[in-house]
């Protein structure tokens, strides 16, 4: 399910995590060549991504579990 990024924070291992409008979170690591997100390394880059939409895997799992009950 698509959710808007409303903020960012660092986890205990100093990896950047996006705070989503649904209340869930998602890591947004820059680990080339697997994940190329250099914008996450700067405050300006993160600020520019506020309002961007990410797919929330937690919401997807919740939605799937509801579908299984119908």
N, C-alpha and C. Protein backbone atom coordinates (compact mmCIF):
# COMPACT_ATOMS: atom_id res chain seq x y z
N UNK A 1 0.85 -1.17 0.00
CA UNK A 1 0.00 0.00 0.00
C UNK A 1 0.90 1.24 0.00
N UNK A 2 0.58 2.18 -0.83
CA UNK A 2 1.37 3.40 -0.96
C UNK A 2 1.13 4.33 0.24
N UNK A 3 2.23 4.81 0.84
CA UNK A 3 2.15 5.70 1.99
C UNK A 3 3.15 6.85 1.80
N UNK A 4 2.84 7.99 2.37
CA UNK A 4 3.68 9.18 2.24
C UNK A 4 4.73 9.21 3.34
N UNK A 5 5.96 9.62 2.98
CA UNK A 5 7.03 9.82 3.97
C UNK A 5 6.75 11.13 4.70
N UNK A 6 6.70 11.06 6.04
CA UNK A 6 6.45 12.27 6.83
C UNK A 6 7.66 12.67 7.66
N UNK A 7 8.69 11.83 7.69
CA UNK A 7 9.89 12.16 8.46
C UNK A 7 10.92 11.05 8.35
N UNK A 8 12.05 11.26 9.01
CA UNK A 8 13.14 10.28 9.02
C UNK A 8 13.75 10.23 10.42
N UNK A 9 14.31 9.09 10.77
CA UNK A 9 15.08 8.98 12.00
C UNK A 9 16.15 7.91 11.81
N UNK A 10 17.15 7.92 12.69
CA UNK A 10 18.20 6.89 12.68
C UNK A 10 17.81 5.77 13.64
N UNK A 11 18.05 4.53 13.22
CA UNK A 11 17.80 3.41 14.12
C UNK A 11 19.02 3.20 15.03
N UNK A 12 19.00 2.17 15.84
CA UNK A 12 20.08 1.91 16.79
C UNK A 12 21.42 1.62 16.11
N UNK A 13 21.37 1.18 14.85
CA UNK A 13 22.60 0.88 14.10
C UNK A 13 23.00 2.02 13.18
N UNK A 14 22.37 3.18 13.36
CA UNK A 14 22.66 4.39 12.59
C UNK A 14 22.30 4.27 11.11
N UNK A 15 21.23 3.51 10.82
CA UNK A 15 20.68 3.42 9.48
C UNK A 15 19.45 4.32 9.42
N UNK A 16 19.26 5.01 8.28
CA UNK A 16 18.11 5.90 8.13
C UNK A 16 16.83 5.12 7.90
N UNK A 17 15.78 5.57 8.56
CA UNK A 17 14.47 4.95 8.51
C UNK A 17 13.44 6.03 8.16
N UNK A 18 12.59 5.73 7.19
CA UNK A 18 11.52 6.66 6.82
C UNK A 18 10.32 6.42 7.73
N UNK A 19 9.75 7.50 8.24
CA UNK A 19 8.51 7.45 9.01
C UNK A 19 7.37 7.68 8.03
N UNK A 20 6.42 6.76 7.98
CA UNK A 20 5.33 6.83 7.01
C UNK A 20 4.04 7.33 7.64
N UNK A 21 3.17 7.90 6.83
CA UNK A 21 1.92 8.49 7.30
C UNK A 21 1.03 7.46 8.01
N UNK A 22 1.17 6.20 7.67
CA UNK A 22 0.35 5.15 8.28
C UNK A 22 0.80 4.80 9.70
N UNK A 23 1.98 5.33 10.09
CA UNK A 23 2.52 5.01 11.41
C UNK A 23 3.60 3.95 11.38
N UNK A 24 3.79 3.32 10.24
CA UNK A 24 4.84 2.31 10.09
C UNK A 24 6.14 2.99 9.66
N UNK A 25 7.21 2.20 9.58
CA UNK A 25 8.51 2.71 9.18
C UNK A 25 9.12 1.81 8.12
N UNK A 26 10.10 2.35 7.40
CA UNK A 26 10.80 1.55 6.40
C UNK A 26 12.23 2.06 6.27
N UNK A 27 13.20 1.13 6.31
CA UNK A 27 14.59 1.51 6.13
C UNK A 27 14.80 2.05 4.71
N UNK A 28 15.61 3.08 4.61
CA UNK A 28 15.97 3.67 3.31
C UNK A 28 17.49 3.79 3.26
N UNK A 29 18.14 2.64 3.20
CA UNK A 29 19.60 2.60 3.22
C UNK A 29 20.19 2.94 1.85
N UNK A 30 21.41 3.47 1.91
CA UNK A 30 22.21 3.68 0.70
C UNK A 30 23.34 2.65 0.77
N UNK A 31 23.16 1.53 0.07
CA UNK A 31 24.15 0.44 0.07
C UNK A 31 24.38 -0.03 -1.36
N UNK A 32 25.09 0.81 -2.15
CA UNK A 32 25.34 0.44 -3.55
C UNK A 32 26.13 -0.86 -3.63
N UNK A 33 25.94 -1.67 -4.63
CA UNK A 33 25.07 -1.46 -5.79
C UNK A 33 23.65 -1.95 -5.57
N UNK A 34 23.32 -2.48 -4.40
CA UNK A 34 21.99 -3.06 -4.18
C UNK A 34 20.93 -1.98 -4.01
N UNK A 35 21.21 -0.97 -3.23
CA UNK A 35 20.26 0.13 -3.02
C UNK A 35 21.01 1.44 -3.22
N UNK A 36 20.63 2.18 -4.22
CA UNK A 36 21.32 3.41 -4.56
C UNK A 36 20.46 4.61 -4.15
N UNK A 37 20.66 5.07 -2.93
CA UNK A 37 19.90 6.20 -2.39
C UNK A 37 20.84 7.21 -1.74
N UNK A 38 21.70 7.84 -2.53
CA UNK A 38 22.64 8.80 -1.93
C UNK A 38 21.95 9.98 -1.26
N UNK A 39 20.72 10.27 -1.65
CA UNK A 39 19.98 11.38 -1.05
C UNK A 39 19.76 11.22 0.44
N UNK A 40 19.75 9.97 0.92
CA UNK A 40 19.47 9.73 2.33
C UNK A 40 20.63 10.18 3.23
N UNK A 41 21.80 10.39 2.65
CA UNK A 41 22.99 10.73 3.43
C UNK A 41 23.05 12.20 3.83
N UNK A 42 22.21 13.06 3.23
CA UNK A 42 22.25 14.48 3.58
C UNK A 42 20.89 14.95 4.09
N UNK A 43 20.94 15.95 4.95
CA UNK A 43 19.69 16.51 5.48
C UNK A 43 18.84 17.08 4.35
N UNK A 44 19.48 17.78 3.43
CA UNK A 44 18.75 18.36 2.29
C UNK A 44 18.10 17.26 1.44
N UNK A 45 18.83 16.18 1.20
CA UNK A 45 18.29 15.07 0.41
C UNK A 45 17.07 14.46 1.06
N UNK A 46 17.15 14.25 2.37
CA UNK A 46 16.00 13.68 3.08
C UNK A 46 14.83 14.67 3.06
N UNK A 47 15.10 15.94 3.25
CA UNK A 47 14.05 16.96 3.26
C UNK A 47 13.31 16.98 1.92
N UNK A 48 14.06 16.81 0.83
CA UNK A 48 13.45 16.80 -0.50
C UNK A 48 12.55 15.59 -0.73
N UNK A 49 12.74 14.53 0.03
CA UNK A 49 11.93 13.31 -0.15
C UNK A 49 10.69 13.29 0.75
N UNK A 50 10.54 14.28 1.64
CA UNK A 50 9.32 14.35 2.43
C UNK A 50 8.14 14.49 1.47
N UNK A 51 7.10 13.71 1.71
CA UNK A 51 5.94 13.73 0.82
C UNK A 51 6.01 12.69 -0.29
N UNK A 52 7.20 12.11 -0.49
CA UNK A 52 7.36 11.05 -1.48
C UNK A 52 6.59 9.81 -1.03
N UNK A 53 6.15 9.03 -1.97
CA UNK A 53 5.37 7.83 -1.66
C UNK A 53 6.26 6.60 -1.69
N UNK A 54 6.14 5.76 -0.66
CA UNK A 54 6.80 4.45 -0.61
C UNK A 54 5.74 3.38 -0.44
N UNK A 55 6.06 2.18 -0.86
CA UNK A 55 5.17 1.06 -0.63
C UNK A 55 5.41 0.53 0.78
N UNK A 56 4.38 0.56 1.63
CA UNK A 56 4.51 0.07 3.00
C UNK A 56 4.24 -1.44 3.01
N UNK A 57 5.28 -2.20 3.27
CA UNK A 57 5.16 -3.65 3.27
C UNK A 57 4.33 -4.14 4.45
N UNK A 58 4.36 -3.42 5.56
CA UNK A 58 3.56 -3.80 6.73
C UNK A 58 2.08 -3.65 6.42
N UNK A 59 1.70 -2.53 5.79
CA UNK A 59 0.29 -2.35 5.39
C UNK A 59 -0.13 -3.42 4.39
N UNK A 60 0.78 -3.77 3.45
CA UNK A 60 0.47 -4.82 2.48
C UNK A 60 0.18 -6.14 3.17
N UNK A 61 1.00 -6.49 4.16
CA UNK A 61 0.80 -7.75 4.89
C UNK A 61 -0.52 -7.73 5.65
N UNK A 62 -0.84 -6.60 6.25
CA UNK A 62 -2.10 -6.47 6.98
C UNK A 62 -3.28 -6.62 6.02
N UNK A 63 -3.18 -5.98 4.87
CA UNK A 63 -4.25 -6.05 3.87
C UNK A 63 -4.44 -7.49 3.38
N UNK A 64 -3.33 -8.21 3.16
CA UNK A 64 -3.39 -9.60 2.70
C UNK A 64 -4.05 -10.47 3.76
N UNK A 65 -3.74 -10.23 5.04
CA UNK A 65 -4.34 -11.05 6.09
C UNK A 65 -5.85 -10.79 6.18
N UNK A 66 -6.29 -9.57 5.89
CA UNK A 66 -7.72 -9.30 5.84
C UNK A 66 -8.39 -10.00 4.68
N UNK A 67 -7.70 -10.03 3.53
CA UNK A 67 -8.23 -10.72 2.35
C UNK A 67 -8.39 -12.21 2.61
N UNK A 68 -7.47 -12.79 3.38
CA UNK A 68 -7.52 -14.23 3.68
C UNK A 68 -8.73 -14.58 4.53
N UNK A 69 -9.25 -13.61 5.30
CA UNK A 69 -10.38 -13.88 6.18
C UNK A 69 -11.73 -13.76 5.49
N UNK A 70 -11.72 -13.27 4.24
CA UNK A 70 -13.00 -13.11 3.54
C UNK A 70 -13.31 -14.30 2.67
